[in-house]
Amino acid sequence: ALSIYMVLEGPLIMSTVYKLIPENYHQNTRNGLNHLDTIFFGYLRGIFTIISLYSIIIASIMMIAGLPFALPIGILSGLIQLVPVVGEVVALGMPILVSFLTGTLSTTAFVGITLMGWSLLMNNVVLPRILRKAIQMPGLFVLLAVLLGTRLAGPWGAVLGVPVAGFIYSIVLAWVNPSDETMTGNQYKLTENQEEES
């Protein structure tokens, strides 16, 4: 409901905002808001990509190992791994537990070692690249955002660190380079009548 309201009332809200801001800052504000949109929806796409990768990889490893319930456990693991603190532990633990209960010791070792290796690769290489591309922020900044967010606010800081860093990055970028065409869009652009009124 809130999203629908924002879409319907967006032009009126932005017209009011622009009236409160000096005219020489309109371009900066518009660029910043457009970039924030890119970051927000890019972050959602990045999260969806991460869930999909986790689900596909875990389900594939379980299928290769000949374990039952590979697809539902893969999908569930992909969703659970987003939960701070325990998410990844549970996501990786479920297929290992199934392997231990239904397979052999060698199968359990294969599943456990493969999943641990995938987790290290995902967290240190794949994840920063996905988020860097999704929110259009340098990979080093993404990694620093995760590390700093974890240090300041624990697990929730790790989850929210990237979009917060993206917000700050977009504001700085809008003010430093207001003429950057990659940040300019029409969503927050004033109409000629609104510009005259402001």
Protein backbone atom coordinates (compact mmCIF):
# COMPACT_ATOMS: atom_id res chain seq x y z
CA ALA A 1 0.00 0.00 0.00
CA LEU A 2 2.84 2.40 0.85
CA SER A 3 4.56 1.68 -2.47
CA ILE A 4 1.34 2.40 -4.39
CA TYR A 5 0.87 5.63 -2.46
CA MET A 6 4.42 6.72 -3.24
CA VAL A 7 3.93 6.04 -6.94
CA LEU A 8 0.64 7.93 -7.08
CA GLU A 9 1.71 10.85 -4.90
CA GLY A 10 5.37 10.91 -5.93
CA PRO A 11 5.19 13.97 -8.23
CA LEU A 12 3.31 16.01 -5.60
CA ILE A 13 5.75 15.02 -2.86
CA MET A 14 8.78 15.85 -4.99
CA SER A 15 7.26 19.17 -6.05
CA THR A 16 6.97 20.08 -2.36
CA VAL A 17 10.51 18.93 -1.66
CA TYR A 18 11.93 20.99 -4.50
CA LYS A 19 10.12 24.08 -3.22
CA LEU A 20 11.97 23.70 0.09
CA ILE A 21 15.36 23.35 -1.60
CA PRO A 22 17.24 26.24 -3.26
CA GLU A 23 17.03 26.02 -7.04
CA ASN A 24 20.78 25.64 -7.52
CA TYR A 25 20.59 22.33 -5.57
CA HIS A 26 17.77 20.83 -7.65
CA GLN A 27 20.11 19.02 -10.03
CA ASN A 28 22.12 17.53 -7.16
CA THR A 29 18.96 16.42 -5.38
CA ARG A 30 17.48 14.87 -8.50
CA ASN A 31 20.71 12.98 -9.26
CA GLY A 32 20.98 11.75 -5.70
CA LEU A 33 17.39 10.48 -5.63
CA ASN A 34 17.77 8.74 -8.99
CA HIS A 35 20.92 7.03 -7.80
CA LEU A 36 19.21 5.99 -4.56
CA ASP A 37 16.51 4.32 -6.66
CA THR A 38 19.18 2.47 -8.60
CA ILE A 39 20.86 1.33 -5.37
CA PHE A 40 17.62 0.20 -3.71
CA PHE A 41 16.27 -1.87 -6.58
CA GLY A 42 19.77 -3.06 -7.48
CA TYR A 43 20.23 -4.28 -3.93
CA LEU A 44 16.97 -6.21 -4.13
CA ARG A 45 18.11 -7.80 -7.40
CA GLY A 46 21.43 -8.65 -5.79
CA ILE A 47 19.70 -10.34 -2.85
CA PHE A 48 17.51 -12.34 -5.25
CA THR A 49 20.63 -13.41 -7.17
CA ILE A 50 22.34 -14.52 -3.95
CA ILE A 51 19.30 -16.56 -2.87
CA SER A 52 19.12 -18.19 -6.30
CA LEU A 53 22.83 -19.07 -6.31
CA TYR A 54 22.68 -20.58 -2.83
CA SER A 55 19.60 -22.59 -3.72
CA ILE A 56 21.00 -23.88 -7.02
CA ILE A 57 24.42 -24.79 -5.62
CA ILE A 58 23.11 -26.56 -2.51
CA ALA A 59 20.45 -28.44 -4.47
CA SER A 60 23.05 -29.43 -7.09
CA ILE A 61 25.53 -30.72 -4.50
CA MET A 62 22.79 -32.75 -2.83
CA MET A 63 21.69 -34.20 -6.19
CA ILE A 64 25.27 -35.14 -7.08
CA ALA A 65 25.60 -36.84 -3.70
CA GLY A 66 22.33 -38.69 -4.32
CA LEU A 67 20.58 -37.20 -1.30
CA PRO A 68 16.77 -36.92 -1.00
CA PHE A 69 14.77 -33.65 -0.85
CA ALA A 70 17.52 -31.80 -2.74
CA LEU A 71 15.26 -29.20 -4.37
CA PRO A 72 13.13 -28.16 -1.35
CA ILE A 73 16.16 -28.09 0.96
CA GLY A 74 18.10 -26.07 -1.62
CA ILE A 75 15.34 -23.47 -1.89
CA LEU A 76 14.86 -23.32 1.88
CA SER A 77 18.61 -22.97 2.45
CA GLY A 78 18.78 -20.10 -0.01
CA LEU A 79 16.13 -18.21 1.95
CA ILE A 80 17.42 -19.07 5.41
CA GLN A 81 20.99 -17.98 4.70
CA LEU A 82 19.81 -14.34 4.72
CA VAL A 83 18.99 -14.56 8.43
CA PRO A 84 21.78 -12.90 10.47
CA VAL A 85 24.02 -15.01 12.73
CA VAL A 86 22.39 -18.42 12.35
CA GLY A 87 21.21 -18.23 8.75
CA GLU A 88 24.26 -19.53 6.94
CA VAL A 89 25.00 -22.11 9.64
CA VAL A 90 21.48 -23.56 9.31
CA ALA A 91 21.53 -23.29 5.51
CA LEU A 92 24.75 -25.32 5.28
CA GLY A 93 23.86 -27.57 8.20
CA MET A 94 20.62 -28.91 6.72
CA PRO A 95 22.15 -30.73 3.74
CA ILE A 96 25.01 -32.00 5.92
CA LEU A 97 22.50 -33.37 8.43
CA VAL A 98 20.47 -35.04 5.68
CA SER A 99 23.68 -36.56 4.34
CA PHE A 100 24.64 -37.82 7.79
CA LEU A 101 21.21 -39.40 8.36
CA THR A 102 20.67 -40.93 4.93
CA GLY A 103 24.10 -41.31 3.36
CA THR A 104 27.52 -42.73 4.11
CA LEU A 105 30.39 -41.11 5.98
CA SER A 106 32.22 -40.40 2.73
CA THR A 107 29.10 -38.74 1.31
CA THR A 108 28.77 -36.57 4.40
CA ALA A 109 32.43 -35.57 4.13
CA PHE A 110 31.98 -34.72 0.44
CA VAL A 111 28.90 -32.60 1.09
CA GLY A 112 30.44 -30.83 4.10
CA ILE A 113 33.77 -29.99 2.44
CA THR A 114 32.13 -28.89 -0.80
CA LEU A 115 29.65 -26.64 0.99
CA MET A 116 32.35 -25.08 3.17
CA GLY A 117 34.43 -24.34 0.10
CA TRP A 118 31.41 -22.83 -1.65
CA SER A 119 30.66 -20.69 1.39
CA LEU A 120 34.19 -19.28 1.48
CA LEU A 121 34.12 -18.56 -2.26
CA MET A 122 30.67 -16.99 -2.03
CA ASN A 123 31.40 -14.70 0.92
CA ASN A 124 34.84 -13.53 -0.21
CA VAL A 125 34.58 -13.39 -4.00
CA VAL A 126 31.10 -13.85 -5.44
CA LEU A 127 29.05 -11.85 -2.94
CA PRO A 128 31.08 -8.59 -3.18
CA ARG A 129 31.01 -8.78 -6.99
CA ILE A 130 27.26 -9.33 -7.13
CA LEU A 131 26.54 -6.42 -4.80
CA ARG A 132 29.10 -4.19 -6.54
CA LYS A 133 27.38 -4.73 -9.87
CA ALA A 134 23.89 -4.50 -8.36
CA ILE A 135 24.32 -1.19 -6.54
CA GLN A 136 27.00 0.29 -8.83
CA MET A 137 29.50 0.83 -6.04
CA PRO A 138 33.17 -0.25 -6.07
CA GLY A 139 33.73 -3.77 -4.72
CA LEU A 140 36.19 -2.51 -2.10
CA PHE A 141 33.50 -0.20 -0.69
CA VAL A 142 31.06 -3.12 -0.55
CA LEU A 143 33.55 -5.24 1.38
CA LEU A 144 34.38 -2.38 3.75
CA ALA A 145 30.66 -1.73 4.29
CA VAL A 146 30.12 -5.35 5.32
CA LEU A 147 33.15 -5.38 7.63
CA LEU A 148 32.40 -2.00 9.21
CA GLY A 149 28.69 -2.79 9.54
CA THR A 150 29.51 -6.07 11.28
CA ARG A 151 31.91 -4.31 13.64
CA LEU A 152 29.47 -1.54 14.56
CA ALA A 153 26.14 -3.37 14.65
CA GLY A 154 26.88 -7.08 14.52
CA PRO A 155 24.98 -9.34 12.10
CA TRP A 156 22.32 -6.78 11.28
CA GLY A 157 25.10 -4.33 10.45
CA ALA A 158 26.46 -6.82 7.95
CA VAL A 159 23.04 -7.02 6.29
CA LEU A 160 22.28 -3.28 6.31
CA GLY A 161 25.83 -2.01 5.87
CA VAL A 162 25.78 -2.23 2.07
CA PRO A 163 22.56 -0.25 1.41
CA VAL A 164 23.58 2.36 4.00
CA ALA A 165 26.99 2.69 2.38
CA GLY A 166 25.27 2.92 -0.99
CA PHE A 167 23.09 5.73 0.33
CA ILE A 168 26.12 7.70 1.53
CA TYR A 169 27.97 6.95 -1.71
CA SER A 170 25.07 8.22 -3.81
CA ILE A 171 24.80 11.47 -1.83
CA VAL A 172 28.53 12.15 -2.12
CA LEU A 173 28.52 11.28 -5.81
CA ALA A 174 25.55 13.54 -6.50
CA TRP A 175 27.22 16.55 -4.88
CA VAL A 176 30.71 15.92 -6.23
CA ASN A 177 29.61 15.25 -9.80
CA PRO A 178 26.12 16.69 -10.36
CA SER A 179 26.45 16.50 -14.14
CA ASP A 180 27.03 12.74 -14.21
CA GLU A 181 24.58 11.47 -16.84
CA THR A 182 24.58 7.95 -15.42
CA MET A 183 22.76 9.29 -12.38
CA THR A 184 20.25 11.41 -14.24
CA GLY A 185 16.77 10.04 -14.84
CA ASN A 186 13.22 11.22 -15.26
CA GLN A 187 11.59 9.83 -12.14
CA TYR A 188 12.47 12.86 -9.99
CA LYS A 189 12.62 15.40 -12.78
CA LEU A 190 10.51 18.50 -12.39
CA THR A 191 8.05 19.41 -15.08
CA GLU A 192 8.29 22.85 -16.61
CA ASN A 193 5.27 24.03 -14.61
CA GLN A 194 6.76 22.76 -11.35
CA GLU A 195 10.10 24.46 -12.12
CA GLU A 196 8.29 27.75 -12.72
CA GLU A 197 6.34 27.37 -9.48
CA SER A 198 9.50 26.64 -7.49
